[in-house]
């Protein structure tokens, strides 16, 4: 198997293994199409796509919304580091 540059190899291997375990191995064409989908996203997003597909028992990959970062910050780190209001 030739892996396309920019594809998260670990995520792809997880996807291939998952499909094998489900009794639905990827054909060569399906593997090529899967990589063509994955390469459009950064490696973290590719991993998120594979994780989501596995958790939801999907047979294919598609774009999913990136997880939201929860924060309670009301100021940015740079604001906190340059804050001089305490000196007044």
Protein backbone atom coordinates (compact mmCIF):
# COMPACT_ATOMS: atom_id res chain seq x y z
CA UNK A 1 0.00 0.00 0.00
CA UNK A 2 1.35 3.41 -0.97
CA UNK A 3 0.39 6.20 1.41
CA UNK A 4 -0.28 9.65 -0.03
CA UNK A 5 1.93 12.43 1.35
CA UNK A 6 -0.03 14.42 3.93
CA UNK A 7 -2.15 11.50 5.10
CA UNK A 8 -2.01 10.70 8.81
CA UNK A 9 -0.57 7.19 8.54
CA UNK A 10 -1.56 6.18 12.08
CA UNK A 11 -5.17 7.28 11.56
CA UNK A 12 -5.30 5.49 8.20
CA UNK A 13 -3.97 2.27 9.73
CA UNK A 14 -6.62 2.49 12.48
CA UNK A 15 -9.30 2.93 9.82
CA UNK A 16 -8.02 -0.04 7.78
CA UNK A 17 -7.91 -2.24 10.91
CA UNK A 18 -11.39 -1.15 11.98
CA UNK A 19 -12.81 -1.98 8.55
CA UNK A 20 -11.11 -5.42 8.62
CA UNK A 21 -12.55 -6.14 12.07
CA UNK A 22 -16.03 -5.25 10.78
CA UNK A 23 -15.61 -7.73 7.91
CA UNK A 24 -15.54 -4.92 5.32
CA UNK A 25 -11.92 -4.53 4.22
CA UNK A 26 -11.08 -1.62 1.94
CA UNK A 27 -10.51 -2.42 -1.73
CA UNK A 28 -7.55 -0.74 -3.41
CA UNK A 29 -9.91 1.80 -4.99
CA UNK A 30 -11.65 2.48 -1.66
CA UNK A 31 -8.26 2.95 0.01
CA UNK A 32 -7.25 5.45 -2.68
CA UNK A 33 -10.55 7.35 -2.31
CA UNK A 34 -10.20 7.35 1.49
CA UNK A 35 -6.73 8.88 1.26
CA UNK A 36 -8.01 11.49 -1.22
CA UNK A 37 -10.60 12.54 1.38
CA UNK A 38 -8.15 12.52 4.28
CA UNK A 39 -5.41 14.56 2.57
CA UNK A 40 -7.72 17.58 2.34
CA UNK A 41 -7.46 18.01 6.13
CA UNK A 42 -4.61 18.44 8.59
CA UNK A 43 -3.41 15.37 10.47
CA UNK A 44 -5.27 16.20 13.68
CA UNK A 45 -8.54 16.59 11.78
CA UNK A 46 -7.88 13.32 9.95
CA UNK A 47 -7.51 11.56 13.31
CA UNK A 48 -10.72 13.17 14.52
CA UNK A 49 -12.53 11.97 11.38
CA UNK A 50 -11.35 8.39 11.93
CA UNK A 51 -12.13 8.47 15.66
CA UNK A 52 -15.63 9.82 15.01
CA UNK A 53 -16.32 7.27 12.28
CA UNK A 54 -15.20 4.39 14.50
CA UNK A 55 -17.17 5.63 17.53
CA UNK A 56 -20.30 5.95 15.40
CA UNK A 57 -19.79 2.63 13.59
CA UNK A 58 -19.67 4.32 10.18
CA UNK A 59 -18.50 2.49 7.07
CA UNK A 60 -16.96 5.56 5.44
CA UNK A 61 -15.12 8.75 6.27
CA UNK A 62 -16.33 12.26 5.76
CA UNK A 63 -15.60 15.69 7.16
CA UNK A 64 -16.75 16.24 10.72
CA UNK A 65 -16.70 19.42 12.73
CA UNK A 66 -13.58 19.83 14.83
CA UNK A 67 -14.16 19.53 18.56
CA UNK A 68 -14.83 22.81 20.30
CA UNK A 69 -12.18 23.98 22.74
CA UNK A 70 -13.82 24.77 26.04
CA UNK A 71 -12.39 27.74 27.87
CA UNK A 72 -13.34 30.02 30.71
CA UNK A 73 -10.81 32.67 29.73
CA UNK A 74 -12.17 36.15 29.15
CA UNK A 75 -8.81 37.58 28.14
CA UNK A 76 -6.07 36.32 25.90
CA UNK A 77 -2.76 35.06 27.20
CA UNK A 78 -0.98 38.08 25.72
CA UNK A 79 -3.43 40.37 27.55
CA UNK A 80 -2.69 38.58 30.82
CA UNK A 81 1.07 38.75 30.29
CA UNK A 82 1.07 42.45 29.44
CA UNK A 83 -1.52 43.52 32.01
CA UNK A 84 -0.24 46.44 34.06
CA UNK A 85 -3.54 47.40 35.68
CA UNK A 86 -2.32 45.97 38.97
CA UNK A 87 0.43 48.62 39.12
CA UNK A 88 -1.89 51.59 39.49
